[in-house]
Structure formats: structure tokens, C-alpha cells
Amino acid sequence: MLPADPPLNRTAVVIANPHARRAIELDMLDDAANAMRARGWCVDIEVAHNGSDARARAERHARAGIGALLACGGDGTLRSLLDGVRAAGDDTPTAIGQVPAGTANVWAAEARIPHDPARALALLEHGDRRRIDLGVARIGEGDAVRFLLVCGIGMDAAVVEAVERHPRWKRRLGRAAFGLPALAALVRWPAADARVECDGVEEHASQLLLALTSNTGRYGGVAALTQHTAFDDGLLEVTTFEGTSLASRGALVLQALRSHLDERAVHGVSHRQAARVTITPSCTLPVEVDGESLGRCGPDAPLHIEVEPRAVTMIFGAGS
């Protein structure tokens, strides 16, 4: 006879980012929490002043044995909670969910989390809980930074840098704020030489536009990179894009938006799977993690990435 599942810890804290683009009013959050309280849950709501505050709150609650933490914000707020829970130790049972309120909400799309606060909180009881991998990125000898979705180097990180220089655009326009910088980068961004090492096997990318090391099969919730990614296989997907002409770059973008790039022979795209990745460009290139700038890597400060297997428990929506 199989042992019974342990009873569900019916305690949760929602950590809200008041600066998120689609910040949800606290009264609306409290109404959603009241519905869960009526079902026997103990749900508190806290407001984080910034990412560091969100991380500290998450770590404190995880150490205290809270059942679940929900990020009411975007992917950046979610990553702060991930860092806090991981800092609490490898054996913490705290699950992490989201009430989507950010600009892109890429994880919410991947995990099929509804945007309605009441339905998102209802996943505390009805959602699917899975232990998943995380990625860890480090430039040179710098600090390690975890990511849930993707670490990008090159053209896409340059777009992130450009948007971060004008935070009001991002807040007002949302995803549309990335349009003009992305178009400019597509036309002007210079290709670079780089060495890409995956689990000790090194390859040369002579016209690298960007490289994406991801924990998901989609980029930005829009472009399909591959359909074979699993969140818990101990591997990351490494996709490199090469091309110098505008025509070749445009073709890559169209293929990414229309299809799974690994299912057809698409010139300029390479896929690999690896647990450890090192990218050493011949010149200084920007790096981003989950849509936020990490810094710049270069010949003397390579980008190191590795997987953290089954590192955290996430709450998924139905059908994910």
C-alpha cells in the first residue's frame, strides 16, 4: 500500500509589488484572499518596497515553514521570491505561485496561471505542484544569479538594456516598449565571434547575434524555440542564432514566430541541451536574465550558466 500524501499546508502569503505595471489594488487582492479564507486557508498580504525586500520577506517566510508564497507582480518579482526561498535551504517545502501583474508575465503564460486574482489564488488548492529546475548565471567571477525562464546574451540583452534606460516607456507601453529597440537591434546589432561550450564540448559561433539558455520552450511567451523542453529534466536548452544580413535576420525572426525551430532545418539556428554552459565572446556583450540586465561579459569575463536541478516547487494552472 502506497503511503498517503502529506496534508496540504494551508498557509500562504501574497507578496505584492506596488510598482508593477498592472499592479492590483489591495482591496481586490483581499477579496480574492477572503474567498480562500472561507475555504480554510490562512492567507496574508504583504507589500514589498523593492526586489530586495521581496526576497527578504520570501526567505523569512520560507524559513518559518509557510506553505506557499505568491508573487503579485511580474517575472522580476517572481524571481525575487525564488531567490528568497532558495536562500532558506534546499529542503524547504514552500511552493511558489503568481498573481500576474507585470509587463510580460511570461511565466504565467508558461504555467497557465490566470490573470484574475481570485482564480490565481484558487490554484493554491486546485493547482498542480511540481518540483522544477532553475538556471544559475554568473559573469566571470561575479555573483551567481538564478533565473526561471531564460538567460540571453547579445542582441536580446541589448534590447533589454535599451528599454531599462526608459522605464516610463515600459510602464506605459508594456510589451510594445520593446518594439522599436528590437527593430533597431535587428537592423544594427553587429554579429560577434564566440566560443560556446556545452558540457565540455566546445563549438565556434562566427556570426553570433544572440544565444538563449532557457528552461522553457518559448521565448518571451511568443516565439517557439523548441517543444521538447521539460522543467525537471536537469538540462537547459541552448539556442544560438547566427546571421549578418538583414534578410537572414528577418527570416530567423519569422521562423521563430511561426514554428518550432528545431523541427525544420533553419539556417543560422543551432540547438543543444546541457547542464553546464560557458559562452566566451570575442568582444563585450550584454547579458540579461528573465528580462532584466545582468551586466556584460567578454573575453576575460565569460558567461557561465548551469542548471540547479529540481530546485523549487512551483504552482501550475490546469492543463500546463
C-alpha atoms as a PDB file:
ATOM      1  CA  MET A   1       0.000   0.000   0.000  1.00  0.00           C
ATOM      2  CA  LEU A   2       1.413   3.371  -1.014  1.00  0.00           C
ATOM      3  CA  PRO A   3       1.869   5.982   1.726  1.00  0.00           C
ATOM      4  CA  ALA A   4      -0.719   8.753   1.731  1.00  0.00           C
ATOM      5  CA  ASP A   5       0.261  12.206   0.565  1.00  0.00           C
ATOM      6  CA  PRO A   6       1.018  14.590   3.441  1.00  0.00           C
ATOM      7  CA  PRO A   7      -1.794  17.029   4.253  1.00  0.00           C
ATOM      8  CA  LEU A   8      -1.655  20.309   2.359  1.00  0.00           C
ATOM      9  CA  ASN A   9      -0.150  23.192   4.327  1.00  0.00           C
ATOM     10  CA  ARG A  10      -2.975  25.725   4.025  1.00  0.00           C
ATOM     11  CA  THR A  11      -0.928  28.825   4.843  1.00  0.00           C
ATOM     12  CA  ALA A  12       0.098  31.363   2.208  1.00  0.00           C
ATOM     13  CA  VAL A  13       1.452  34.884   1.851  1.00  0.00           C
ATOM     14  CA  VAL A  14       0.914  37.088  -1.193  1.00  0.00           C
ATOM     15  CA  ILE A  15       3.859  39.459  -1.685  1.00  0.00           C
ATOM     16  CA  ALA A  16       2.735  42.362  -3.850  1.00  0.00           C
ATOM     17  CA  ASN A  17       4.855  44.703  -5.944  1.00  0.00           C
ATOM     18  CA  PRO A  18       3.045  48.083  -5.929  1.00  0.00           C
ATOM     19  CA  HIS A  19       5.255  49.306  -8.775  1.00  0.00           C
ATOM     20  CA  ALA A  20       4.272  46.523 -11.192  1.00  0.00           C
ATOM     21  CA  ARG A  21       2.815  47.761 -14.470  1.00  0.00           C
ATOM     22  CA  ARG A  22      -0.550  46.142 -13.799  1.00  0.00           C
ATOM     23  CA  ALA A  23      -0.413  46.461 -10.017  1.00  0.00           C
ATOM     24  CA  ILE A  24      -3.571  45.060  -8.451  1.00  0.00           C
ATOM     25  CA  GLU A  25      -5.414  47.089  -5.834  1.00  0.00           C
ATOM     26  CA  LEU A  26      -5.002  45.662  -2.346  1.00  0.00           C
ATOM     27  CA  ASP A  27      -8.783  45.621  -1.820  1.00  0.00           C
ATOM     28  CA  MET A  28      -9.158  43.366  -4.862  1.00  0.00           C
ATOM     29  CA  LEU A  29      -6.390  41.100  -3.593  1.00  0.00           C
ATOM     30  CA  ASP A  30      -8.022  40.945  -0.185  1.00  0.00           C
ATOM     31  CA  ASP A  31     -11.351  39.967  -1.750  1.00  0.00           C
ATOM     32  CA  ALA A  32      -9.588  37.102  -3.531  1.00  0.00           C
ATOM     33  CA  ALA A  33      -7.853  36.121  -0.295  1.00  0.00           C
ATOM     34  CA  ASN A  34     -11.173  36.164   1.576  1.00  0.00           C
ATOM     35  CA  ALA A  35     -12.522  33.542  -0.804  1.00  0.00           C
ATOM     36  CA  MET A  36      -9.621  31.271   0.158  1.00  0.00           C
ATOM     37  CA  ARG A  37     -10.006  32.090   3.855  1.00  0.00           C
ATOM     38  CA  ALA A  38     -13.601  30.919   3.600  1.00  0.00           C
ATOM     39  CA  ARG A  39     -12.216  27.575   2.395  1.00  0.00           C
ATOM     40  CA  GLY A  40      -9.997  27.201   5.458  1.00  0.00           C
ATOM     41  CA  TRP A  41      -6.838  28.896   4.215  1.00  0.00           C
ATOM     42  CA  CYS A  42      -4.754  31.361   6.197  1.00  0.00           C
ATOM     43  CA  VAL A  43      -3.754  33.962   3.583  1.00  0.00           C
ATOM     44  CA  ASP A  44      -1.864  37.168   4.370  1.00  0.00           C
ATOM     45  CA  ILE A  45      -0.981  40.008   2.003  1.00  0.00           C
ATOM     46  CA  GLU A  46       2.248  41.988   2.236  1.00  0.00           C
ATOM     47  CA  VAL A  47       3.646  44.835   0.126  1.00  0.00           C
ATOM     48  CA  ALA A  48       7.328  44.731  -0.866  1.00  0.00           C
ATOM     49  CA  HIS A  49       9.124  48.033  -1.400  1.00  0.00           C
ATOM     50  CA  ASN A  50      11.595  46.590  -3.926  1.00  0.00           C
ATOM     51  CA  GLY A  51      13.126  43.351  -5.130  1.00  0.00           C
ATOM     52  CA  SER A  52      15.470  43.032  -2.152  1.00  0.00           C
ATOM     53  CA  ASP A  53      12.565  43.478   0.240  1.00  0.00           C
ATOM     54  CA  ALA A  54      10.548  40.827  -1.614  1.00  0.00           C
ATOM     55  CA  ARG A  55      13.490  38.437  -1.438  1.00  0.00           C
ATOM     56  CA  ALA A  56      13.984  39.011   2.297  1.00  0.00           C
ATOM     57  CA  ARG A  57      10.299  38.500   3.020  1.00  0.00           C
ATOM     58  CA  ALA A  58      10.249  35.293   0.988  1.00  0.00           C
ATOM     59  CA  GLU A  59      13.293  33.906   2.799  1.00  0.00           C
ATOM     60  CA  ARG A  60      11.842  34.739   6.209  1.00  0.00           C
ATOM     61  CA  HIS A  61       8.500  33.097   5.456  1.00  0.00           C
ATOM     62  CA  ALA A  62      10.112  30.025   3.897  1.00  0.00           C
ATOM     63  CA  ARG A  63      12.311  29.537   6.965  1.00  0.00           C
ATOM     64  CA  ALA A  64       9.191  29.809   9.117  1.00  0.00           C
ATOM     65  CA  GLY A  65       7.551  26.982   7.144  1.00  0.00           C
ATOM     66  CA  ILE A  66       4.897  28.837   5.152  1.00  0.00           C
ATOM     67  CA  GLY A  67       3.001  26.581   2.770  1.00  0.00           C
ATOM     68  CA  ALA A  68       3.066  28.855  -0.273  1.00  0.00           C
ATOM     69  CA  LEU A  69       4.238  32.258  -1.447  1.00  0.00           C
ATOM     70  CA  LEU A  70       2.583  34.106  -4.320  1.00  0.00           C
ATOM     71  CA  ALA A  71       4.246  36.931  -6.221  1.00  0.00           C
ATOM     72  CA  CYS A  72       1.710  39.590  -7.154  1.00  0.00           C
ATOM     73  CA  GLY A  73       3.766  41.237  -9.863  1.00  0.00           C
ATOM     74  CA  GLY A  74       5.744  40.314 -12.941  1.00  0.00           C
ATOM     75  CA  ASP A  75       8.573  37.928 -13.695  1.00  0.00           C
ATOM     76  CA  GLY A  76      11.057  40.098 -11.770  1.00  0.00           C
ATOM     77  CA  THR A  77       9.005  39.907  -8.575  1.00  0.00           C
ATOM     78  CA  LEU A  78       8.662  36.167  -9.062  1.00  0.00           C
ATOM     79  CA  ARG A  79      12.435  35.788  -9.382  1.00  0.00           C
ATOM     80  CA  SER A  80      12.923  37.699  -6.107  1.00  0.00           C
ATOM     81  CA  LEU A  81      10.705  35.169  -4.341  1.00  0.00           C
ATOM     82  CA  LEU A  82      12.617  32.295  -5.924  1.00  0.00           C
ATOM     83  CA  ASP A  83      15.887  33.699  -4.601  1.00  0.00           C
ATOM     84  CA  GLY A  84      14.412  34.069  -1.133  1.00  0.00           C
ATOM     85  CA  VAL A  85      13.026  30.550  -0.989  1.00  0.00           C
ATOM     86  CA  ARG A  86      16.281  29.049  -2.275  1.00  0.00           C
ATOM     87  CA  ALA A  87      18.212  31.034   0.352  1.00  0.00           C
ATOM     88  CA  ALA A  88      16.071  29.350   3.003  1.00  0.00           C
ATOM     89  CA  GLY A  89      17.616  25.970   2.154  1.00  0.00           C
ATOM     90  CA  ASP A  90      17.400  23.026  -0.217  1.00  0.00           C
ATOM     91  CA  ASP A  91      14.749  21.183   1.768  1.00  0.00           C
ATOM     92  CA  THR A  92      12.175  23.951   2.119  1.00  0.00           C
ATOM     93  CA  PRO A  93       8.686  22.710   1.164  1.00  0.00           C
ATOM     94  CA  THR A  94       7.355  26.198   0.373  1.00  0.00           C
ATOM     95  CA  ALA A  95       5.652  26.337  -3.026  1.00  0.00           C
ATOM     96  CA  ILE A  96       5.730  29.439  -5.219  1.00  0.00           C
ATOM     97  CA  GLY A  97       2.893  30.782  -7.327  1.00  0.00           C
ATOM     98  CA  GLN A  98       1.976  34.025  -9.029  1.00  0.00           C
ATOM     99  CA  VAL A  99      -0.814  36.541  -9.357  1.00  0.00           C
ATOM    100  CA  PRO A 100       0.237  38.040 -12.725  1.00  0.00           C
ATOM    101  CA  ALA A 101       0.581  41.832 -12.629  1.00  0.00           C
ATOM    102  CA  GLY A 102       3.715  42.642 -14.616  1.00  0.00           C
ATOM    103  CA  THR A 103       4.595  43.725 -18.136  1.00  0.00           C
ATOM    104  CA  ALA A 104       5.147  40.413 -19.911  1.00  0.00           C
ATOM    105  CA  ASN A 105       4.099  37.774 -17.347  1.00  0.00           C
ATOM    106  CA  VAL A 106       5.976  35.129 -19.312  1.00  0.00           C
ATOM    107  CA  TRP A 107       5.943  32.552 -16.534  1.00  0.00           C
ATOM    108  CA  ALA A 108       2.183  32.958 -16.087  1.00  0.00           C
ATOM    109  CA  ALA A 109       1.725  32.089 -19.759  1.00  0.00           C
ATOM    110  CA  GLU A 110       4.013  29.054 -19.457  1.00  0.00           C
ATOM    111  CA  ALA A 111       2.337  27.802 -16.275  1.00  0.00           C
ATOM    112  CA  ARG A 112      -1.201  28.704 -17.409  1.00  0.00           C
ATOM    113  CA  ILE A 113      -1.860  30.927 -14.432  1.00  0.00           C
ATOM    114  CA  PRO A 114      -4.995  33.056 -14.896  1.00  0.00           C
ATOM    115  CA  HIS A 115      -4.717  36.832 -14.583  1.00  0.00           C
ATOM    116  CA  ASP A 116      -7.837  37.096 -12.452  1.00  0.00           C
ATOM    117  CA  PRO A 117      -6.634  37.340  -8.806  1.00  0.00           C
ATOM    118  CA  ALA A 118      -9.366  35.085  -7.408  1.00  0.00           C
ATOM    119  CA  ARG A 119      -8.664  32.335  -9.948  1.00  0.00           C
ATOM    120  CA  ALA A 120      -4.903  32.675  -9.444  1.00  0.00           C
ATOM    121  CA  LEU A 121      -5.259  32.289  -5.672  1.00  0.00           C
ATOM    122  CA  ALA A 122      -7.602  29.328  -6.143  1.00  0.00           C
ATOM    123  CA  LEU A 123      -4.615  27.438  -7.579  1.00  0.00           C
ATOM    124  CA  LEU A 124      -3.335  27.220  -4.001  1.00  0.00           C
ATOM    125  CA  GLU A 125      -5.888  24.452  -3.591  1.00  0.00           C
ATOM    126  CA  HIS A 126      -6.506  23.191  -7.126  1.00  0.00           C
ATOM    127  CA  GLY A 127      -3.200  23.860  -8.893  1.00  0.00           C
ATOM    128  CA  ASP A 128      -0.585  21.314  -9.853  1.00  0.00           C
ATOM    129  CA  ARG A 129       2.591  21.474  -7.736  1.00  0.00           C
ATOM    130  CA  ARG A 130       5.831  20.426  -9.401  1.00  0.00           C
ATOM    131  CA  ARG A 131       9.468  20.477  -8.416  1.00  0.00           C
ATOM    132  CA  ILE A 132      11.330  22.190 -11.282  1.00  0.00           C
ATOM    133  CA  ASP A 133      14.842  23.179 -12.333  1.00  0.00           C
ATOM    134  CA  LEU A 134      16.312  26.672 -12.167  1.00  0.00           C
ATOM    135  CA  GLY A 135      19.185  28.195 -14.100  1.00  0.00           C
ATOM    136  CA  VAL A 136      22.124  29.963 -12.470  1.00  0.00           C
ATOM    137  CA  ALA A 137      24.120  32.592 -14.390  1.00  0.00           C
ATOM    138  CA  ARG A 138      27.409  34.241 -13.479  1.00  0.00           C
ATOM    139  CA  ILE A 139      29.645  36.657 -15.390  1.00  0.00           C
ATOM    140  CA  GLY A 140      33.321  35.931 -14.804  1.00  0.00           C
ATOM    141  CA  GLU A 141      33.935  35.704 -11.068  1.00  0.00           C
ATOM    142  CA  GLY A 142      30.841  37.762 -10.251  1.00  0.00           C
ATOM    143  CA  ASP A 143      27.833  36.838  -8.159  1.00  0.00           C
ATOM    144  CA  ALA A 144      25.577  33.989  -9.235  1.00  0.00           C
ATOM    145  CA  VAL A 145      22.035  34.970 -10.252  1.00  0.00           C
ATOM    146  CA  ARG A 146      19.177  32.492 -10.615  1.00  0.00           C
ATOM    147  CA  PHE A 147      16.703  32.546 -13.469  1.00  0.00           C
ATOM    148  CA  LEU A 148      13.436  30.757 -14.009  1.00  0.00           C
ATOM    149  CA  LEU A 149      12.983  31.258 -17.750  1.00  0.00           C
ATOM    150  CA  VAL A 150      15.964  32.397 -19.810  1.00  0.00           C
ATOM    151  CA  CYS A 151      19.423  33.899 -19.833  1.00  0.00           C
ATOM    152  CA  GLY A 152      20.187  35.806 -23.039  1.00  0.00           C
ATOM    153  CA  ILE A 153      23.416  37.215 -24.420  1.00  0.00           C
ATOM    154  CA  GLY A 154      23.804  39.588 -27.348  1.00  0.00           C
ATOM    155  CA  MET A 155      21.004  41.213 -29.300  1.00  0.00           C
ATOM    156  CA  ASP A 156      18.097  40.467 -26.984  1.00  0.00           C
ATOM    157  CA  ALA A 157      20.053  41.673 -23.943  1.00  0.00           C
ATOM    158  CA  ALA A 158      20.826  44.891 -25.831  1.00  0.00           C
ATOM    159  CA  VAL A 159      17.082  45.406 -26.278  1.00  0.00           C
ATOM    160  CA  VAL A 160      16.539  44.878 -22.543  1.00  0.00           C
ATOM    161  CA  GLU A 161      19.251  47.448 -21.797  1.00  0.00           C
ATOM    162  CA  ALA A 162      17.606  49.966 -24.126  1.00  0.00           C
ATOM    163  CA  VAL A 163      14.194  49.534 -22.502  1.00  0.00           C
ATOM    164  CA  GLU A 164      15.645  49.814 -18.996  1.00  0.00           C
ATOM    165  CA  ARG A 165      17.081  53.215 -19.897  1.00  0.00           C
ATOM    166  CA  HIS A 166      13.489  54.445 -20.327  1.00  0.00           C
ATOM    167  CA  PRO A 167      11.449  52.798 -17.541  1.00  0.00           C
ATOM    168  CA  ARG A 168       8.462  55.070 -18.175  1.00  0.00           C
ATOM    169  CA  TRP A 169       8.111  53.622 -21.673  1.00  0.00           C
ATOM    170  CA  LYS A 170       7.916  50.117 -20.263  1.00  0.00           C
ATOM    171  CA  ARG A 171       5.367  51.111 -17.655  1.00  0.00           C
ATOM    172  CA  ARG A 172       3.162  52.962 -20.150  1.00  0.00           C
ATOM    173  CA  LEU A 173       3.503  50.732 -23.200  1.00  0.00           C
ATOM    174  CA  GLY A 174       4.121  47.287 -21.748  1.00  0.00           C
ATOM    175  CA  ARG A 175       5.378  44.784 -24.326  1.00  0.00           C
ATOM    176  CA  ALA A 176       5.121  47.445 -27.030  1.00  0.00           C
ATOM    177  CA  ALA A 177       8.035  49.284 -25.402  1.00  0.00           C
ATOM    178  CA  PHE A 178      10.324  46.549 -26.738  1.00  0.00           C
ATOM    179  CA  GLY A 179       9.205  47.012 -30.358  1.00  0.00           C
ATOM    180  CA  LEU A 180      11.330  49.945 -31.512  1.00  0.00           C
ATOM    181  CA  PRO A 181      14.536  48.868 -29.691  1.00  0.00           C
ATOM    182  CA  ALA A 182      14.078  45.349 -31.083  1.00  0.00           C
ATOM    183  CA  LEU A 183      13.708  46.649 -34.628  1.00  0.00           C
ATOM    184  CA  ALA A 184      16.775  48.869 -34.235  1.00  0.00           C
ATOM    185  CA  ALA A 185      18.821  45.973 -32.872  1.00  0.00           C
ATOM    186  CA  LEU A 186      17.666  43.676 -35.665  1.00  0.00           C
ATOM    187  CA  VAL A 187      18.998  46.144 -38.231  1.00  0.00           C
ATOM    188  CA  ARG A 188      22.105  47.449 -36.490  1.00  0.00           C
ATOM    189  CA  TRP A 189      23.346  44.901 -33.965  1.00  0.00           C
ATOM    190  CA  PRO A 190      26.775  43.582 -35.059  1.00  0.00           C
ATOM    191  CA  ALA A 191      27.383  39.845 -35.087  1.00  0.00           C
ATOM    192  CA  ALA A 192      30.265  38.619 -32.921  1.00  0.00           C
ATOM    193  CA  ASP A 193      32.596  35.658 -32.688  1.00  0.00           C
ATOM    194  CA  ALA A 194      32.051  33.465 -29.640  1.00  0.00           C
ATOM    195  CA  ARG A 195      33.016  30.116 -28.177  1.00  0.00           C
ATOM    196  CA  VAL A 196      30.034  28.151 -26.881  1.00  0.00           C
ATOM    197  CA  GLU A 197      30.888  25.252 -24.568  1.00  0.00           C
ATOM    198  CA  CYS A 198      28.129  22.837 -23.558  1.00  0.00           C
ATOM    199  CA  ASP A 199      29.024  20.133 -21.026  1.00  0.00           C
ATOM    200  CA  GLY A 200      32.661  20.310 -22.098  1.00  0.00           C
ATOM    201  CA  VAL A 201      32.015  20.236 -25.862  1.00  0.00           C
ATOM    202  CA  GLU A 202      33.121  23.493 -27.473  1.00  0.00           C
ATOM    203  CA  GLU A 203      31.803  24.964 -30.718  1.00  0.00           C
ATOM    204  CA  HIS A 204      32.580  28.186 -32.540  1.00  0.00           C
ATOM    205  CA  ALA A 205      29.863  30.682 -33.475  1.00  0.00           C
ATOM    206  CA  SER A 206      31.382  33.051 -36.020  1.00  0.00           C
ATOM    207  CA  GLN A 207      28.377  35.354 -36.559  1.00  0.00           C
ATOM    208  CA  LEU A 208      26.562  35.205 -33.232  1.00  0.00           C
ATOM    209  CA  LEU A 209      23.555  37.506 -32.902  1.00  0.00           C
ATOM    210  CA  LEU A 210      22.258  36.101 -29.661  1.00  0.00           C
ATOM    211  CA  ALA A 211      22.329  32.983 -27.546  1.00  0.00           C
ATOM    212  CA  LEU A 212      19.462  31.901 -25.323  1.00  0.00           C
ATOM    213  CA  THR A 213      19.893  29.415 -22.495  1.00  0.00           C
ATOM    214  CA  SER A 214      16.395  28.587 -21.375  1.00  0.00           C
ATOM    215  CA  ASN A 215      14.334  26.473 -19.046  1.00  0.00           C
ATOM    216  CA  THR A 216      11.320  26.714 -21.336  1.00  0.00           C
ATOM    217  CA  GLY A 217      10.465  26.044 -24.961  1.00  0.00           C
ATOM    218  CA  ARG A 218       9.236  29.565 -25.663  1.00  0.00           C
ATOM    219  CA  TYR A 219      10.971  32.923 -25.676  1.00  0.00           C
ATOM    220  CA  GLY A 220       9.116  35.884 -24.223  1.00  0.00           C
ATOM    221  CA  GLY A 221       5.931  33.839 -24.244  1.00  0.00           C
ATOM    222  CA  VAL A 222       5.742  34.364 -28.025  1.00  0.00           C
ATOM    223  CA  ALA A 223       8.485  32.714 -30.080  1.00  0.00           C
ATOM    224  CA  ALA A 224       8.548  28.911 -30.103  1.00  0.00           C
ATOM    225  CA  LEU A 225      12.131  27.694 -29.773  1.00  0.00           C
ATOM    226  CA  THR A 226      11.519  24.005 -29.160  1.00  0.00           C
ATOM    227  CA  GLN A 227       8.717  21.758 -27.951  1.00  0.00           C
ATOM    228  CA  HIS A 228      10.950  19.276 -26.159  1.00  0.00           C
ATOM    229  CA  THR A 229      11.830  21.278 -23.054  1.00  0.00           C
ATOM    230  CA  ALA A 230      10.940  19.788 -19.668  1.00  0.00           C
ATOM    231  CA  PHE A 231      11.109  21.847 -16.499  1.00  0.00           C
ATOM    232  CA  ASP A 232      12.532  18.964 -14.467  1.00  0.00           C
ATOM    233  CA  ASP A 233      14.976  17.074 -16.712  1.00  0.00           C
ATOM    234  CA  GLY A 234      18.164  18.582 -15.262  1.00  0.00           C
ATOM    235  CA  LEU A 235      19.034  20.196 -18.601  1.00  0.00           C
ATOM    236  CA  LEU A 236      18.816  23.655 -20.159  1.00  0.00           C
ATOM    237  CA  GLU A 237      18.086  24.430 -23.807  1.00  0.00           C
ATOM    238  CA  VAL A 238      20.873  26.358 -25.544  1.00  0.00           C
ATOM    239  CA  THR A 239      19.805  28.078 -28.781  1.00  0.00           C
ATOM    240  CA  THR A 240      22.217  30.185 -30.817  1.00  0.00           C
ATOM    241  CA  PHE A 241      21.238  32.490 -33.662  1.00  0.00           C
ATOM    242  CA  GLU A 242      23.790  33.482 -36.293  1.00  0.00           C
ATOM    243  CA  GLY A 243      23.490  35.825 -39.254  1.00  0.00           C
ATOM    244  CA  THR A 244      24.876  39.030 -40.714  1.00  0.00           C
ATOM    245  CA  SER A 245      22.474  40.069 -43.479  1.00  0.00           C
ATOM    246  CA  LEU A 246      19.167  41.764 -42.724  1.00  0.00           C
ATOM    247  CA  ALA A 247      17.370  39.133 -44.814  1.00  0.00           C
ATOM    248  CA  SER A 248      18.796  36.261 -42.774  1.00  0.00           C
ATOM    249  CA  ARG A 249      17.923  38.011 -39.528  1.00  0.00           C
ATOM    250  CA  GLY A 250      14.376  38.671 -40.657  1.00  0.00           C
ATOM    251  CA  ALA A 251      13.993  35.049 -41.707  1.00  0.00           C
ATOM    252  CA  LEU A 252      15.103  33.879 -38.266  1.00  0.00           C
ATOM    253  CA  VAL A 253      12.534  36.099 -36.574  1.00  0.00           C
ATOM    254  CA  LEU A 254       9.715  34.891 -38.829  1.00  0.00           C
ATOM    255  CA  GLN A 255      10.610  31.241 -38.287  1.00  0.00           C
ATOM    256  CA  ALA A 256      10.735  31.742 -34.526  1.00  0.00           C
ATOM    257  CA  LEU A 257       7.286  33.311 -34.522  1.00  0.00           C
ATOM    258  CA  ARG A 258       5.740  30.743 -36.870  1.00  0.00           C
ATOM    259  CA  SER A 259       7.202  27.405 -35.893  1.00  0.00           C
ATOM    260  CA  HIS A 260       9.270  25.224 -33.641  1.00  0.00           C
ATOM    261  CA  LEU A 261      12.739  25.962 -34.901  1.00  0.00           C
ATOM    262  CA  ASP A 262      14.126  22.537 -34.076  1.00  0.00           C
ATOM    263  CA  GLU A 263      11.610  20.733 -36.280  1.00  0.00           C
ATOM    264  CA  ARG A 264      12.932  22.012 -39.571  1.00  0.00           C
ATOM    265  CA  ALA A 265      16.334  22.858 -40.976  1.00  0.00           C
ATOM    266  CA  VAL A 266      16.579  26.574 -40.288  1.00  0.00           C
ATOM    267  CA  HIS A 267      19.851  28.109 -41.383  1.00  0.00           C
ATOM    268  CA  GLY A 268      21.605  30.008 -38.636  1.00  0.00           C
ATOM    269  CA  VAL A 269      19.918  28.310 -35.673  1.00  0.00           C
ATOM    270  CA  SER A 270      21.582  25.668 -33.505  1.00  0.00           C
ATOM    271  CA  HIS A 271      20.087  23.763 -30.573  1.00  0.00           C
ATOM    272  CA  ARG A 272      21.824  21.909 -27.784  1.00  0.00           C
ATOM    273  CA  GLN A 273      20.945  20.623 -24.331  1.00  0.00           C
ATOM    274  CA  ALA A 274      23.367  20.937 -21.451  1.00  0.00           C
ATOM    275  CA  ALA A 275      23.670  21.145 -17.686  1.00  0.00           C
ATOM    276  CA  ARG A 276      26.673  23.499 -17.869  1.00  0.00           C
ATOM    277  CA  VAL A 277      27.275  26.225 -20.444  1.00  0.00           C
ATOM    278  CA  THR A 278      30.105  28.705 -20.931  1.00  0.00           C
ATOM    279  CA  ILE A 279      29.930  31.419 -23.583  1.00  0.00           C
ATOM    280  CA  THR A 280      33.073  33.409 -24.294  1.00  0.00           C
ATOM    281  CA  PRO A 281      32.575  36.204 -26.842  1.00  0.00           C
ATOM    282  CA  SER A 282      35.427  37.931 -28.652  1.00  0.00           C
ATOM    283  CA  CYS A 283      34.056  41.323 -27.576  1.00  0.00           C
ATOM    284  CA  THR A 284      31.978  42.711 -24.742  1.00  0.00           C
ATOM    285  CA  LEU A 285      28.308  41.664 -24.961  1.00  0.00           C
ATOM    286  CA  PRO A 286      25.306  42.422 -22.735  1.00  0.00           C
ATOM    287  CA  VAL A 287      23.587  39.703 -20.704  1.00  0.00           C
ATOM    288  CA  GLU A 288      20.020  39.518 -19.370  1.00  0.00           C
ATOM    289  CA  VAL A 289      18.193  37.107 -17.091  1.00  0.00           C
ATOM    290  CA  ASP A 290      14.398  36.854 -17.195  1.00  0.00           C
ATOM    291  CA  GLY A 291      14.123  40.244 -18.880  1.00  0.00           C
ATOM    292  CA  GLU A 292      16.451  42.169 -16.549  1.00  0.00           C
ATOM    293  CA  SER A 293      20.020  43.236 -17.326  1.00  0.00           C
ATOM    294  CA  LEU A 294      22.731  41.246 -15.569  1.00  0.00           C
ATOM    295  CA  GLY A 295      25.799  43.045 -16.923  1.00  0.00           C
ATOM    296  CA  ARG A 296      28.332  42.488 -19.678  1.00  0.00           C
ATOM    297  CA  CYS A 297      30.522  39.516 -20.416  1.00  0.00           C
ATOM    298  CA  GLY A 298      33.620  39.406 -22.599  1.00  0.00           C
ATOM    299  CA  PRO A 299      36.851  37.579 -23.441  1.00  0.00           C
ATOM    300  CA  ASP A 300      38.158  37.964 -19.880  1.00  0.00           C
ATOM    301  CA  ALA A 301      34.794  37.515 -18.159  1.00  0.00           C
ATOM    302  CA  PRO A 302      32.865  34.663 -19.818  1.00  0.00           C
ATOM    303  CA  LEU A 303      29.227  33.934 -19.114  1.00  0.00           C
ATOM    304  CA  HIS A 304      28.863  30.761 -17.028  1.00  0.00           C
ATOM    305  CA  ILE A 305      25.478  29.058 -16.758  1.00  0.00           C
ATOM    306  CA  GLU A 306      24.455  25.868 -15.003  1.00  0.00           C
ATOM    307  CA  VAL A 307      21.271  24.113 -14.015  1.00  0.00           C
ATOM    308  CA  GLU A 308      20.063  23.742 -10.435  1.00  0.00           C
ATOM    309  CA  PRO A 309      18.052  20.501 -10.689  1.00  0.00           C
ATOM    310  CA  ARG A 310      14.599  20.282  -9.105  1.00  0.00           C
ATOM    311  CA  ALA A 311      15.384  23.348  -7.064  1.00  0.00           C
ATOM    312  CA  VAL A 312      11.962  24.728  -6.185  1.00  0.00           C
ATOM    313  CA  THR A 313       8.279  23.784  -6.083  1.00  0.00           C
ATOM    314  CA  MET A 314       6.080  25.845  -8.423  1.00  0.00           C
ATOM    315  CA  ILE A 315       2.291  26.045  -8.649  1.00  0.00           C
ATOM    316  CA  PHE A 316       0.891  25.451 -12.153  1.00  0.00           C
ATOM    317  CA  GLY A 317      -2.539  26.050 -13.616  1.00  0.00           C
ATOM    318  CA  ALA A 318      -4.794  23.484 -15.228  1.00  0.00           C
ATOM    319  CA  GLY A 319      -3.574  21.890 -18.454  1.00  0.00           C
ATOM    320  CA  SER A 320       0.010  23.125 -18.135  1.00  0.00           C
END
